[in-house]
Amino acid sequence: MNYKWNWGILLEMSPEGQGSYLQMLLSGLSWTLITAACAWVLAFTLGLAIGVVRTLPNRFGRLLGDAYVELFRNIPLLVQLFLWYFVIPELVPRHLGDMIKQMPNASFYTAVLGLGLFMSARVAEQVRSGVLSLPKGQKLAATAMGLTTAQTYRYILLPITLRVMLPPMTSEFLNTIKNTSVALTIGLMELTARARSMQEFSFQVFEAFTVATVLYLVTNLVVTFLMRKLERAVSVPGFLGVSASAVVH
């Protein structure tokens, strides 16, 4: 079988009538980035809170945090998206379920929610590992100074933890970007879905997925470059690489 390469297909008008195939792929990239950014905000916010709770002396809080992490970390992302998109609307009251089904861009909101919760469990584990990797003397010193638990975390533990967590957090953010591709299964027209559509319309499968691969690669390289500059800017002498060795994946 001889495959006929045709890179000019990228500049041809797509059947959608909203630009060329290349513009269609770039539109998918924009949805990928928007979905990843929104999911990351949710994941980081929840993960930070749950990770902190898992390091507190309150046993009940730690048990709840552990249960949350084990629940969302051990169920495949694809299964979670299917549950949120297809199952949950059937379990809630009918009027609420119909409203969810008819919501504009329902696949986008579902992807943000599902991906955000899935990644928040991983972020929570990173936060817990980061806090526990710090010398115990810092917490003892804060207690000796009369700081409350909330003040200890706010002014001493978290500022350092967030700095030493940047390398693993970069990896988690990159995973968030790549995991958006799973959302094509619930109808989100992100980059992978757009590449698949181009392949189905034009039968130029290699061109479609080669460009998609390059766009993913460039995006992740840019993110990695920016995060490394941020790591160097906020690094704490003596703590570089502490969290990376303490993280349990």
C-alpha atoms as a PDB file:
ATOM      1  CA  MET A   1       0.000   0.000   0.000  1.00  0.00           C
ATOM      2  CA  ASN A   2       1.446   3.351  -1.098  1.00  0.00           C
ATOM      3  CA  TYR A   3       0.290   6.301   0.980  1.00  0.00           C
ATOM      4  CA  LYS A   4      -0.068   9.600  -0.891  1.00  0.00           C
ATOM      5  CA  TRP A   5       1.266  12.413   1.280  1.00  0.00           C
ATOM      6  CA  ASN A   6      -0.542  15.712   0.810  1.00  0.00           C
ATOM      7  CA  TRP A   7       0.564  18.460   3.178  1.00  0.00           C
ATOM      8  CA  GLY A   8      -1.402  20.962   1.096  1.00  0.00           C
ATOM      9  CA  ILE A   9      -4.556  19.492   2.622  1.00  0.00           C
ATOM     10  CA  LEU A  10      -3.893  21.612   5.705  1.00  0.00           C
ATOM     11  CA  LEU A  11      -4.665  24.779   3.732  1.00  0.00           C
ATOM     12  CA  GLU A  12      -7.808  23.426   2.084  1.00  0.00           C
ATOM     13  CA  MET A  13     -11.252  24.394   3.366  1.00  0.00           C
ATOM     14  CA  SER A  14     -12.668  21.941   5.866  1.00  0.00           C
ATOM     15  CA  PRO A  15     -16.215  20.584   5.389  1.00  0.00           C
ATOM     16  CA  GLU A  16     -17.244  22.509   8.505  1.00  0.00           C
ATOM     17  CA  GLY A  17     -16.979  25.704   6.440  1.00  0.00           C
ATOM     18  CA  GLN A  18     -15.229  27.640   9.210  1.00  0.00           C
ATOM     19  CA  GLY A  19     -11.712  27.747   7.801  1.00  0.00           C
ATOM     20  CA  SER A  20      -8.983  25.427   6.658  1.00  0.00           C
ATOM     21  CA  TYR A  21      -8.034  22.106   8.191  1.00  0.00           C
ATOM     22  CA  LEU A  22      -5.108  23.821   9.907  1.00  0.00           C
ATOM     23  CA  GLN A  23      -7.469  26.361  11.468  1.00  0.00           C
ATOM     24  CA  MET A  24      -9.663  23.474  12.578  1.00  0.00           C
ATOM     25  CA  LEU A  25      -6.709  21.877  14.352  1.00  0.00           C
ATOM     26  CA  LEU A  26      -5.744  25.181  15.956  1.00  0.00           C
ATOM     27  CA  SER A  27      -9.329  25.547  17.167  1.00  0.00           C
ATOM     28  CA  GLY A  28      -8.979  22.130  18.778  1.00  0.00           C
ATOM     29  CA  LEU A  29      -5.752  23.248  20.410  1.00  0.00           C
ATOM     30  CA  SER A  30      -7.516  26.266  21.898  1.00  0.00           C
ATOM     31  CA  TRP A  31     -10.178  24.001  23.433  1.00  0.00           C
ATOM     32  CA  THR A  32      -7.414  21.745  24.761  1.00  0.00           C
ATOM     33  CA  LEU A  33      -5.674  24.660  26.468  1.00  0.00           C
ATOM     34  CA  ILE A  34      -8.887  26.176  27.869  1.00  0.00           C
ATOM     35  CA  THR A  35     -10.042  22.816  29.223  1.00  0.00           C
ATOM     36  CA  ALA A  36      -6.635  22.052  30.734  1.00  0.00           C
ATOM     37  CA  ALA A  37      -6.355  25.492  32.348  1.00  0.00           C
ATOM     38  CA  CYS A  38      -9.821  25.338  33.924  1.00  0.00           C
ATOM     39  CA  ALA A  39      -9.329  21.747  35.071  1.00  0.00           C
ATOM     40  CA  TRP A  40      -5.948  22.668  36.563  1.00  0.00           C
ATOM     41  CA  VAL A  41      -7.429  25.529  38.584  1.00  0.00           C
ATOM     42  CA  LEU A  42      -9.975  23.095  40.037  1.00  0.00           C
ATOM     43  CA  ALA A  43      -7.363  20.363  40.547  1.00  0.00           C
ATOM     44  CA  PHE A  44      -4.841  22.632  42.239  1.00  0.00           C
ATOM     45  CA  THR A  45      -7.408  24.296  44.520  1.00  0.00           C
ATOM     46  CA  LEU A  46      -8.955  21.032  45.682  1.00  0.00           C
ATOM     47  CA  GLY A  47      -5.647  19.188  45.759  1.00  0.00           C
ATOM     48  CA  LEU A  48      -4.013  21.865  47.903  1.00  0.00           C
ATOM     49  CA  ALA A  49      -6.855  21.819  50.427  1.00  0.00           C
ATOM     50  CA  ILE A  50      -7.073  18.021  50.596  1.00  0.00           C
ATOM     51  CA  GLY A  51      -3.306  17.609  50.706  1.00  0.00           C
ATOM     52  CA  VAL A  52      -3.079  19.970  53.677  1.00  0.00           C
ATOM     53  CA  VAL A  53      -5.927  18.177  55.481  1.00  0.00           C
ATOM     54  CA  ARG A  54      -4.038  14.892  55.092  1.00  0.00           C
ATOM     55  CA  THR A  55      -1.109  16.314  57.061  1.00  0.00           C
ATOM     56  CA  LEU A  56      -3.144  17.721  59.966  1.00  0.00           C
ATOM     57  CA  PRO A  57      -3.305  15.995  63.369  1.00  0.00           C
ATOM     58  CA  ASN A  58      -7.084  15.488  62.951  1.00  0.00           C
ATOM     59  CA  ARG A  59      -7.513  11.742  62.303  1.00  0.00           C
ATOM     60  CA  PHE A  60     -11.027  12.029  60.856  1.00  0.00           C
ATOM     61  CA  GLY A  61      -9.891  14.680  58.387  1.00  0.00           C
ATOM     62  CA  ARG A  62      -6.958  12.525  57.311  1.00  0.00           C
ATOM     63  CA  LEU A  63      -9.255   9.551  56.745  1.00  0.00           C
ATOM     64  CA  LEU A  64     -11.592  11.645  54.584  1.00  0.00           C
ATOM     65  CA  GLY A  65      -8.656  13.007  52.599  1.00  0.00           C
ATOM     66  CA  ASP A  66      -7.208   9.528  52.106  1.00  0.00           C
ATOM     67  CA  ALA A  67     -10.592   8.207  50.969  1.00  0.00           C
ATOM     68  CA  TYR A  68     -10.925  11.058  48.452  1.00  0.00           C
ATOM     69  CA  VAL A  69      -7.477  10.418  46.990  1.00  0.00           C
ATOM     70  CA  GLU A  70      -7.970   6.666  46.732  1.00  0.00           C
ATOM     71  CA  LEU A  71     -11.390   7.097  45.120  1.00  0.00           C
ATOM     72  CA  PHE A  72     -10.433   9.525  42.371  1.00  0.00           C
ATOM     73  CA  ARG A  73      -6.883   8.296  41.793  1.00  0.00           C
ATOM     74  CA  ASN A  74      -7.784   4.621  41.319  1.00  0.00           C
ATOM     75  CA  ILE A  75     -10.752   4.963  38.942  1.00  0.00           C
ATOM     76  CA  PRO A  76      -9.619   5.454  35.315  1.00  0.00           C
ATOM     77  CA  LEU A  77     -10.238   8.934  33.940  1.00  0.00           C
ATOM     78  CA  LEU A  78     -12.273   7.573  31.031  1.00  0.00           C
ATOM     79  CA  VAL A  79     -14.642   5.788  33.424  1.00  0.00           C
ATOM     80  CA  GLN A  80     -15.022   8.943  35.521  1.00  0.00           C
ATOM     81  CA  LEU A  81     -15.881  11.036  32.475  1.00  0.00           C
ATOM     82  CA  PHE A  82     -18.493   8.503  31.388  1.00  0.00           C
ATOM     83  CA  LEU A  83     -19.998   8.503  34.885  1.00  0.00           C
ATOM     84  CA  TRP A  84     -20.230  12.302  35.021  1.00  0.00           C
ATOM     85  CA  TYR A  85     -21.535  12.652  31.469  1.00  0.00           C
ATOM     86  CA  PHE A  86     -23.888   9.679  31.058  1.00  0.00           C
ATOM     87  CA  VAL A  87     -24.732   8.309  34.506  1.00  0.00           C
ATOM     88  CA  ILE A  88     -25.010  11.238  36.922  1.00  0.00           C
ATOM     89  CA  PRO A  89     -27.699  13.087  34.874  1.00  0.00           C
ATOM     90  CA  GLU A  90     -29.830   9.926  35.155  1.00  0.00           C
ATOM     91  CA  LEU A  91     -29.431   9.665  38.922  1.00  0.00           C
ATOM     92  CA  VAL A  92     -30.407  13.212  39.875  1.00  0.00           C
ATOM     93  CA  PRO A  93     -34.019  14.480  39.790  1.00  0.00           C
ATOM     94  CA  ARG A  94     -35.395  14.442  36.249  1.00  0.00           C
ATOM     95  CA  HIS A  95     -35.694  18.213  35.782  1.00  0.00           C
ATOM     96  CA  LEU A  96     -32.105  18.677  36.942  1.00  0.00           C
ATOM     97  CA  GLY A  97     -30.893  15.861  34.718  1.00  0.00           C
ATOM     98  CA  ASP A  98     -32.659  17.353  31.683  1.00  0.00           C
ATOM     99  CA  MET A  99     -31.115  20.736  32.440  1.00  0.00           C
ATOM    100  CA  ILE A 100     -27.636  19.165  32.609  1.00  0.00           C
ATOM    101  CA  LYS A 101     -28.150  17.321  29.313  1.00  0.00           C
ATOM    102  CA  GLN A 102     -29.356  20.446  27.518  1.00  0.00           C
ATOM    103  CA  MET A 103     -26.633  22.707  28.897  1.00  0.00           C
ATOM    104  CA  PRO A 104     -24.552  24.369  26.132  1.00  0.00           C
ATOM    105  CA  ASN A 105     -21.027  22.934  25.927  1.00  0.00           C
ATOM    106  CA  ALA A 106     -21.956  20.204  28.408  1.00  0.00           C
ATOM    107  CA  SER A 107     -18.990  18.109  27.272  1.00  0.00           C
ATOM    108  CA  PHE A 108     -16.618  20.968  28.144  1.00  0.00           C
ATOM    109  CA  TYR A 109     -17.958  21.424  31.669  1.00  0.00           C
ATOM    110  CA  THR A 110     -17.991  17.666  32.219  1.00  0.00           C
ATOM    111  CA  ALA A 111     -14.398  17.373  31.022  1.00  0.00           C
ATOM    112  CA  VAL A 112     -13.291  20.188  33.336  1.00  0.00           C
ATOM    113  CA  LEU A 113     -15.066  18.610  36.300  1.00  0.00           C
ATOM    114  CA  GLY A 114     -13.946  15.041  35.635  1.00  0.00           C
ATOM    115  CA  LEU A 115     -10.372  15.929  34.777  1.00  0.00           C
ATOM    116  CA  GLY A 116     -10.139  18.420  37.638  1.00  0.00           C
ATOM    117  CA  LEU A 117     -11.281  15.882  40.233  1.00  0.00           C
ATOM    118  CA  PHE A 118      -9.044  13.165  38.788  1.00  0.00           C
ATOM    119  CA  MET A 119      -5.954  15.386  38.849  1.00  0.00           C
ATOM    120  CA  SER A 120      -6.809  16.887  42.255  1.00  0.00           C
ATOM    121  CA  ALA A 121      -6.164  13.492  43.853  1.00  0.00           C
ATOM    122  CA  ARG A 122      -2.669  13.476  42.354  1.00  0.00           C
ATOM    123  CA  VAL A 123      -2.042  17.071  43.430  1.00  0.00           C
ATOM    124  CA  ALA A 124      -3.196  16.210  46.956  1.00  0.00           C
ATOM    125  CA  GLU A 125      -0.627  13.425  47.110  1.00  0.00           C
ATOM    126  CA  GLN A 126       2.083  15.802  45.920  1.00  0.00           C
ATOM    127  CA  VAL A 127       1.107  18.388  48.547  1.00  0.00           C
ATOM    128  CA  ARG A 128       1.096  15.803  51.328  1.00  0.00           C
ATOM    129  CA  SER A 129       4.515  14.522  50.266  1.00  0.00           C
ATOM    130  CA  GLY A 130       5.850  18.063  49.989  1.00  0.00           C
ATOM    131  CA  VAL A 131       4.711  19.070  53.481  1.00  0.00           C
ATOM    132  CA  LEU A 132       5.993  15.860  55.072  1.00  0.00           C
ATOM    133  CA  SER A 133       9.364  16.259  53.335  1.00  0.00           C
ATOM    134  CA  LEU A 134      10.087  19.513  55.195  1.00  0.00           C
ATOM    135  CA  PRO A 135      12.214  19.403  58.351  1.00  0.00           C
ATOM    136  CA  LYS A 136      10.051  18.924  61.446  1.00  0.00           C
ATOM    137  CA  GLY A 137      11.953  21.692  63.166  1.00  0.00           C
ATOM    138  CA  GLN A 138      10.112  24.327  61.146  1.00  0.00           C
ATOM    139  CA  LYS A 139       6.741  23.276  62.516  1.00  0.00           C
ATOM    140  CA  LEU A 140       8.123  22.984  66.041  1.00  0.00           C
ATOM    141  CA  ALA A 141       9.672  26.443  65.774  1.00  0.00           C
ATOM    142  CA  ALA A 142       6.354  27.898  64.629  1.00  0.00           C
ATOM    143  CA  THR A 143       4.601  26.285  67.595  1.00  0.00           C
ATOM    144  CA  ALA A 144       7.237  27.681  69.949  1.00  0.00           C
ATOM    145  CA  MET A 145       6.614  31.157  68.519  1.00  0.00           C
ATOM    146  CA  GLY A 146       2.929  30.842  69.416  1.00  0.00           C
ATOM    147  CA  LEU A 147       1.590  30.492  65.854  1.00  0.00           C
ATOM    148  CA  THR A 148      -1.668  28.636  65.348  1.00  0.00           C
ATOM    149  CA  THR A 149      -1.876  25.657  63.001  1.00  0.00           C
ATOM    150  CA  ALA A 150      -3.458  27.828  60.291  1.00  0.00           C
ATOM    151  CA  GLN A 151      -0.739  30.463  60.676  1.00  0.00           C
ATOM    152  CA  THR A 152       1.986  27.817  60.597  1.00  0.00           C
ATOM    153  CA  TYR A 153       0.739  26.490  57.263  1.00  0.00           C
ATOM    154  CA  ARG A 154       0.041  29.905  55.794  1.00  0.00           C
ATOM    155  CA  TYR A 155       3.270  31.673  56.699  1.00  0.00           C
ATOM    156  CA  ILE A 156       5.854  28.887  57.020  1.00  0.00           C
ATOM    157  CA  LEU A 157       5.016  25.450  55.613  1.00  0.00           C
ATOM    158  CA  LEU A 158       3.018  26.190  52.461  1.00  0.00           C
ATOM    159  CA  PRO A 159       5.261  28.960  51.046  1.00  0.00           C
ATOM    160  CA  ILE A 160       8.216  26.557  51.067  1.00  0.00           C
ATOM    161  CA  THR A 161       6.176  23.515  50.054  1.00  0.00           C
ATOM    162  CA  LEU A 162       4.740  25.245  46.991  1.00  0.00           C
ATOM    163  CA  ARG A 163       8.247  26.196  45.867  1.00  0.00           C
ATOM    164  CA  VAL A 164       9.787  22.753  46.227  1.00  0.00           C
ATOM    165  CA  MET A 165       6.675  21.212  44.617  1.00  0.00           C
ATOM    166  CA  LEU A 166       7.113  23.069  41.333  1.00  0.00           C
ATOM    167  CA  PRO A 167       8.972  20.275  39.468  1.00  0.00           C
ATOM    168  CA  PRO A 168       6.340  17.584  40.178  1.00  0.00           C
ATOM    169  CA  MET A 169       3.559  20.143  39.680  1.00  0.00           C
ATOM    170  CA  THR A 170       4.957  20.851  36.220  1.00  0.00           C
ATOM    171  CA  SER A 171       4.620  17.166  35.406  1.00  0.00           C
ATOM    172  CA  GLU A 172       1.053  17.096  36.694  1.00  0.00           C
ATOM    173  CA  PHE A 173       0.102  20.147  34.627  1.00  0.00           C
ATOM    174  CA  LEU A 174       1.582  18.516  31.523  1.00  0.00           C
ATOM    175  CA  ASN A 175      -0.433  15.387  32.330  1.00  0.00           C
ATOM    176  CA  THR A 176      -3.545  17.546  32.572  1.00  0.00           C
ATOM    177  CA  ILE A 177      -2.927  18.937  29.091  1.00  0.00           C
ATOM    178  CA  LYS A 178      -2.380  15.466  27.638  1.00  0.00           C
ATOM    179  CA  ASN A 179      -5.345  13.929  29.475  1.00  0.00           C
ATOM    180  CA  THR A 180      -7.748  16.340  27.765  1.00  0.00           C
ATOM    181  CA  SER A 181      -7.520  14.012  24.761  1.00  0.00           C
ATOM    182  CA  VAL A 182      -9.698  11.523  26.651  1.00  0.00           C
ATOM    183  CA  ALA A 183     -12.548  14.058  26.517  1.00  0.00           C
ATOM    184  CA  LEU A 184     -13.106  13.299  22.826  1.00  0.00           C
ATOM    185  CA  THR A 185     -15.076  10.280  24.038  1.00  0.00           C
ATOM    186  CA  ILE A 186     -17.789  12.573  25.440  1.00  0.00           C
ATOM    187  CA  GLY A 187     -17.860  14.888  22.433  1.00  0.00           C
ATOM    188  CA  LEU A 188     -15.394  17.642  23.329  1.00  0.00           C
ATOM    189  CA  MET A 189     -13.799  18.860  20.103  1.00  0.00           C
ATOM    190  CA  GLU A 190     -10.303  19.308  21.471  1.00  0.00           C
ATOM    191  CA  LEU A 191      -7.108  18.748  19.483  1.00  0.00           C
ATOM    192  CA  THR A 192      -7.206  14.961  19.243  1.00  0.00           C
ATOM    193  CA  ALA A 193     -10.882  15.012  18.289  1.00  0.00           C
ATOM    194  CA  ARG A 194     -10.180  17.630  15.605  1.00  0.00           C
ATOM    195  CA  ALA A 195      -7.328  15.535  14.208  1.00  0.00           C
ATOM    196  CA  ARG A 196      -9.643  12.547  14.107  1.00  0.00           C
ATOM    197  CA  SER A 197     -12.302  14.602  12.303  1.00  0.00           C
ATOM    198  CA  MET A 198      -9.743  15.795   9.749  1.00  0.00           C
ATOM    199  CA  GLN A 199      -8.675  12.214   9.139  1.00  0.00           C
ATOM    200  CA  GLU A 200     -12.283  11.117   8.610  1.00  0.00           C
ATOM    201  CA  PHE A 201     -13.047  14.017   6.243  1.00  0.00           C
ATOM    202  CA  SER A 202      -9.861  13.930   4.163  1.00  0.00           C
ATOM    203  CA  PHE A 203      -8.468  10.397   4.720  1.00  0.00           C
ATOM    204  CA  GLN A 204      -5.051  12.038   5.288  1.00  0.00           C
ATOM    205  CA  VAL A 205      -4.481  10.352   8.634  1.00  0.00           C
ATOM    206  CA  PHE A 206      -0.717  10.870   8.874  1.00  0.00           C
ATOM    207  CA  GLU A 207      -0.873  14.587   8.123  1.00  0.00           C
ATOM    208  CA  ALA A 208      -3.669  15.121  10.663  1.00  0.00           C
ATOM    209  CA  PHE A 209      -2.001  13.333  13.556  1.00  0.00           C
ATOM    210  CA  THR A 210       1.496  14.545  12.695  1.00  0.00           C
ATOM    211  CA  VAL A 211       0.350  18.153  13.035  1.00  0.00           C
ATOM    212  CA  ALA A 212      -1.563  17.300  16.230  1.00  0.00           C
ATOM    213  CA  THR A 213       1.564  15.650  17.648  1.00  0.00           C
ATOM    214  CA  VAL A 214       3.684  18.700  16.833  1.00  0.00           C
ATOM    215  CA  LEU A 215       1.134  21.024  18.463  1.00  0.00           C
ATOM    216  CA  TYR A 216       1.100  18.911  21.648  1.00  0.00           C
ATOM    217  CA  LEU A 217       4.904  18.796  21.661  1.00  0.00           C
ATOM    218  CA  VAL A 218       5.338  22.545  21.173  1.00  0.00           C
ATOM    219  CA  THR A 219       2.724  23.320  23.835  1.00  0.00           C
ATOM    220  CA  ASN A 220       4.370  21.069  26.406  1.00  0.00           C
ATOM    221  CA  LEU A 221       7.846  22.375  25.602  1.00  0.00           C
ATOM    222  CA  VAL A 222       6.659  25.958  26.119  1.00  0.00           C
ATOM    223  CA  VAL A 223       5.047  25.015  29.444  1.00  0.00           C
ATOM    224  CA  THR A 224       8.199  23.191  30.551  1.00  0.00           C
ATOM    225  CA  PHE A 225      10.418  26.139  29.596  1.00  0.00           C
ATOM    226  CA  LEU A 226       8.259  28.654  31.476  1.00  0.00           C
ATOM    227  CA  MET A 227       7.972  26.462  34.559  1.00  0.00           C
ATOM    228  CA  ARG A 228      11.729  25.932  34.704  1.00  0.00           C
ATOM    229  CA  LYS A 229      12.268  29.673  34.660  1.00  0.00           C
ATOM    230  CA  LEU A 230       9.703  29.996  37.453  1.00  0.00           C
ATOM    231  CA  GLU A 231      11.422  27.231  39.435  1.00  0.00           C
ATOM    232  CA  ARG A 232      14.747  29.049  39.274  1.00  0.00           C
ATOM    233  CA  ALA A 233      13.125  32.359  40.202  1.00  0.00           C
ATOM    234  CA  VAL A 234      11.420  31.084  43.373  1.00  0.00           C
ATOM    235  CA  SER A 235      13.760  28.257  44.389  1.00  0.00           C
ATOM    236  CA  VAL A 236      14.668  27.975  48.061  1.00  0.00           C
ATOM    237  CA  PRO A 237      18.388  27.279  48.710  1.00  0.00           C
ATOM    238  CA  GLY A 238      18.805  23.877  50.320  1.00  0.00           C
ATOM    239  CA  PHE A 239      15.359  22.627  49.297  1.00  0.00           C
ATOM    240  CA  LEU A 240      15.821  22.113  45.552  1.00  0.00           C
ATOM    241  CA  GLY A 241      14.693  18.654  44.566  1.00  0.00           C
ATOM    242  CA  VAL A 242      13.457  17.695  48.043  1.00  0.00           C
ATOM    243  CA  SER A 243       9.850  17.134  47.011  1.00  0.00           C
ATOM    244  CA  ALA A 244      10.752  15.335  43.803  1.00  0.00           C
ATOM    245  CA  SER A 245      12.483  12.576  45.754  1.00  0.00           C
ATOM    246  CA  ALA A 246       9.739  12.391  48.356  1.00  0.00           C
ATOM    247  CA  VAL A 247       6.776  12.144  46.028  1.00  0.00           C
ATOM    248  CA  VAL A 248       4.979   8.839  45.846  1.00  0.00           C
ATOM    249  CA  HIS A 249       3.384   8.384  42.437  1.00  0.00           C
END
